[in-house]
Amino acid sequence: MDKGHRKVPGRRKIARHDVARRLDDYLHHRLTLDEFVDWVESVVMEAEFEQADARMLRDVVGRIGLADVKAFGMSWEDCEDFLGRLGYQVNVNVSEARPPA
């Protein structure tokens, strides 16, 4: 492998769609920020990135990994940027909430 990286048998591969799916889960409140950051940290320690996108994936995942640190955080614009870099477009659907009964 290049740059001293060697493939470790049995390590899961992480691709753009894996990170985008988890980011979508976070934005739809199916994952808390802590759960999302925990997943990212496990990916960094235990997985390997798809070679073609490895640099971009490491950058996006590295930034998400800091999201639970108050000084860094993660804004809506950050999420939109990450998804764009991952090859996804963000669409927002706003609907009127029903008044309480």
C-alpha atoms as a PDB file:
ATOM      1  CA  MET A   1       0.000   0.000   0.000  1.00  0.00           C
ATOM      2  CA  ASP A   2       1.031   3.576  -0.446  1.00  0.00           C
ATOM      3  CA  LYS A   3       2.458   5.872   2.256  1.00  0.00           C
ATOM      4  CA  GLY A   4       3.108   3.041   4.674  1.00  0.00           C
ATOM      5  CA  HIS A   5      -0.563   2.092   5.076  1.00  0.00           C
ATOM      6  CA  ARG A   6      -1.175  -1.598   4.993  1.00  0.00           C
ATOM      7  CA  LYS A   7      -4.453  -3.342   4.569  1.00  0.00           C
ATOM      8  CA  VAL A   8      -5.575  -5.155   7.682  1.00  0.00           C
ATOM      9  CA  PRO A   9      -7.731  -8.221   6.938  1.00  0.00           C
ATOM     10  CA  GLY A  10     -11.231  -8.044   8.377  1.00  0.00           C
ATOM     11  CA  ARG A  11     -11.332  -4.264   8.781  1.00  0.00           C
ATOM     12  CA  ARG A  12     -14.558  -2.791   7.541  1.00  0.00           C
ATOM     13  CA  LYS A  13     -14.417  -0.377   4.637  1.00  0.00           C
ATOM     14  CA  ILE A  14     -16.014   3.035   5.069  1.00  0.00           C
ATOM     15  CA  ALA A  15     -17.294   4.811   1.971  1.00  0.00           C
ATOM     16  CA  ARG A  16     -18.938   8.155   1.277  1.00  0.00           C
ATOM     17  CA  HIS A  17     -22.431   6.700   1.667  1.00  0.00           C
ATOM     18  CA  ASP A  18     -21.626   5.320   5.155  1.00  0.00           C
ATOM     19  CA  VAL A  19     -20.657   8.746   6.491  1.00  0.00           C
ATOM     20  CA  ALA A  20     -23.541  10.463   4.659  1.00  0.00           C
ATOM     21  CA  ARG A  21     -26.049   7.960   6.097  1.00  0.00           C
ATOM     22  CA  ARG A  22     -24.831   8.586   9.646  1.00  0.00           C
ATOM     23  CA  LEU A  23     -24.900  12.338   9.101  1.00  0.00           C
ATOM     24  CA  ASP A  24     -28.473  12.011   7.830  1.00  0.00           C
ATOM     25  CA  ASP A  25     -29.333   9.970  10.940  1.00  0.00           C
ATOM     26  CA  TYR A  26     -27.884  12.733  13.111  1.00  0.00           C
ATOM     27  CA  LEU A  27     -29.766  15.498  11.272  1.00  0.00           C
ATOM     28  CA  HIS A  28     -33.035  13.556  11.626  1.00  0.00           C
ATOM     29  CA  HIS A  29     -32.424  13.018  15.363  1.00  0.00           C
ATOM     30  CA  ARG A  30     -32.023   9.259  15.002  1.00  0.00           C
ATOM     31  CA  LEU A  31     -28.533   9.672  16.518  1.00  0.00           C
ATOM     32  CA  THR A  32     -27.447  12.058  19.233  1.00  0.00           C
ATOM     33  CA  LEU A  33     -24.289  14.091  18.740  1.00  0.00           C
ATOM     34  CA  ASP A  34     -22.500  11.878  21.269  1.00  0.00           C
ATOM     35  CA  GLU A  35     -23.581   8.711  19.417  1.00  0.00           C
ATOM     36  CA  PHE A  36     -22.466  10.185  16.094  1.00  0.00           C
ATOM     37  CA  VAL A  37     -19.069  11.212  17.469  1.00  0.00           C
ATOM     38  CA  ASP A  38     -18.664   7.770  19.095  1.00  0.00           C
ATOM     39  CA  TRP A  39     -19.323   6.137  15.713  1.00  0.00           C
ATOM     40  CA  VAL A  40     -16.798   8.439  14.046  1.00  0.00           C
ATOM     41  CA  GLU A  41     -14.183   7.648  16.693  1.00  0.00           C
ATOM     42  CA  SER A  42     -14.734   3.900  16.200  1.00  0.00           C
ATOM     43  CA  VAL A  43     -14.365   4.352  12.434  1.00  0.00           C
ATOM     44  CA  VAL A  44     -11.052   6.134  12.891  1.00  0.00           C
ATOM     45  CA  MET A  45      -9.758   3.374  15.170  1.00  0.00           C
ATOM     46  CA  GLU A  46     -11.217   0.248  13.568  1.00  0.00           C
ATOM     47  CA  ALA A  47     -12.065   0.868   9.918  1.00  0.00           C
ATOM     48  CA  GLU A  48     -10.352   1.703   6.704  1.00  0.00           C
ATOM     49  CA  PHE A  49     -11.531   4.290   4.198  1.00  0.00           C
ATOM     50  CA  GLU A  50     -12.252   3.547   0.561  1.00  0.00           C
ATOM     51  CA  GLN A  51      -8.982   4.364  -1.172  1.00  0.00           C
ATOM     52  CA  ALA A  52     -10.412   6.669  -3.854  1.00  0.00           C
ATOM     53  CA  ASP A  53     -11.934   8.995  -1.232  1.00  0.00           C
ATOM     54  CA  ALA A  54      -9.615   8.357   1.711  1.00  0.00           C
ATOM     55  CA  ARG A  55      -8.208  11.902   2.021  1.00  0.00           C
ATOM     56  CA  MET A  56     -11.624  13.578   1.871  1.00  0.00           C
ATOM     57  CA  LEU A  57     -13.202  10.987   4.200  1.00  0.00           C
ATOM     58  CA  ARG A  58     -10.405  11.401   6.764  1.00  0.00           C
ATOM     59  CA  ASP A  59     -10.874  15.180   6.636  1.00  0.00           C
ATOM     60  CA  VAL A  60     -14.679  15.051   7.047  1.00  0.00           C
ATOM     61  CA  VAL A  61     -14.594  12.340   9.720  1.00  0.00           C
ATOM     62  CA  GLY A  62     -11.795  14.147  11.569  1.00  0.00           C
ATOM     63  CA  ARG A  63     -13.825  17.336  11.687  1.00  0.00           C
ATOM     64  CA  ILE A  64     -16.976  15.519  12.839  1.00  0.00           C
ATOM     65  CA  GLY A  65     -14.915  13.863  15.566  1.00  0.00           C
ATOM     66  CA  LEU A  66     -14.378  17.299  17.119  1.00  0.00           C
ATOM     67  CA  ALA A  67     -18.066  18.243  17.043  1.00  0.00           C
ATOM     68  CA  ASP A  68     -18.614  17.354  20.694  1.00  0.00           C
ATOM     69  CA  VAL A  69     -15.920  19.833  21.788  1.00  0.00           C
ATOM     70  CA  LYS A  70     -17.596  23.134  22.627  1.00  0.00           C
ATOM     71  CA  ALA A  71     -14.882  25.204  20.948  1.00  0.00           C
ATOM     72  CA  PHE A  72     -15.493  23.437  17.625  1.00  0.00           C
ATOM     73  CA  GLY A  73     -19.152  22.377  17.514  1.00  0.00           C
ATOM     74  CA  MET A  74     -20.911  21.558  14.265  1.00  0.00           C
ATOM     75  CA  SER A  75     -23.248  23.988  12.537  1.00  0.00           C
ATOM     76  CA  TRP A  76     -25.945  23.374   9.949  1.00  0.00           C
ATOM     77  CA  GLU A  77     -23.589  24.904   7.386  1.00  0.00           C
ATOM     78  CA  ASP A  78     -20.887  22.408   8.401  1.00  0.00           C
ATOM     79  CA  CYS A  79     -23.311  19.514   7.866  1.00  0.00           C
ATOM     80  CA  GLU A  80     -24.353  20.895   4.495  1.00  0.00           C
ATOM     81  CA  ASP A  81     -20.688  21.268   3.505  1.00  0.00           C
ATOM     82  CA  PHE A  82     -19.839  17.727   4.636  1.00  0.00           C
ATOM     83  CA  LEU A  83     -22.743  16.251   2.684  1.00  0.00           C
ATOM     84  CA  GLY A  84     -21.740  18.248  -0.402  1.00  0.00           C
ATOM     85  CA  ARG A  85     -18.186  16.965  -0.152  1.00  0.00           C
ATOM     86  CA  LEU A  86     -19.573  13.447   0.200  1.00  0.00           C
ATOM     87  CA  GLY A  87     -21.511  13.917  -3.050  1.00  0.00           C
ATOM     88  CA  TYR A  88     -24.950  14.603  -1.596  1.00  0.00           C
ATOM     89  CA  GLN A  89     -27.345  17.528  -1.894  1.00  0.00           C
ATOM     90  CA  VAL A  90     -29.306  18.765   1.103  1.00  0.00           C
ATOM     91  CA  ASN A  91     -33.024  19.403   0.694  1.00  0.00           C
ATOM     92  CA  VAL A  92     -35.042  20.915   3.505  1.00  0.00           C
ATOM     93  CA  ASN A  93     -38.758  20.320   3.838  1.00  0.00           C
ATOM     94  CA  VAL A  94     -40.627  22.612   6.199  1.00  0.00           C
ATOM     95  CA  SER A  95     -44.248  21.984   7.077  1.00  0.00           C
ATOM     96  CA  GLU A  96     -46.670  23.741   9.354  1.00  0.00           C
ATOM     97  CA  ALA A  97     -46.927  22.182  12.790  1.00  0.00           C
ATOM     98  CA  ARG A  98     -50.381  21.416  14.068  1.00  0.00           C
ATOM     99  CA  PRO A  99     -51.390  23.471  17.071  1.00  0.00           C
ATOM    100  CA  PRO A 100     -51.707  21.453  20.292  1.00  0.00           C
ATOM    101  CA  ALA A 101     -55.172  19.997  20.807  1.00  0.00           C
END
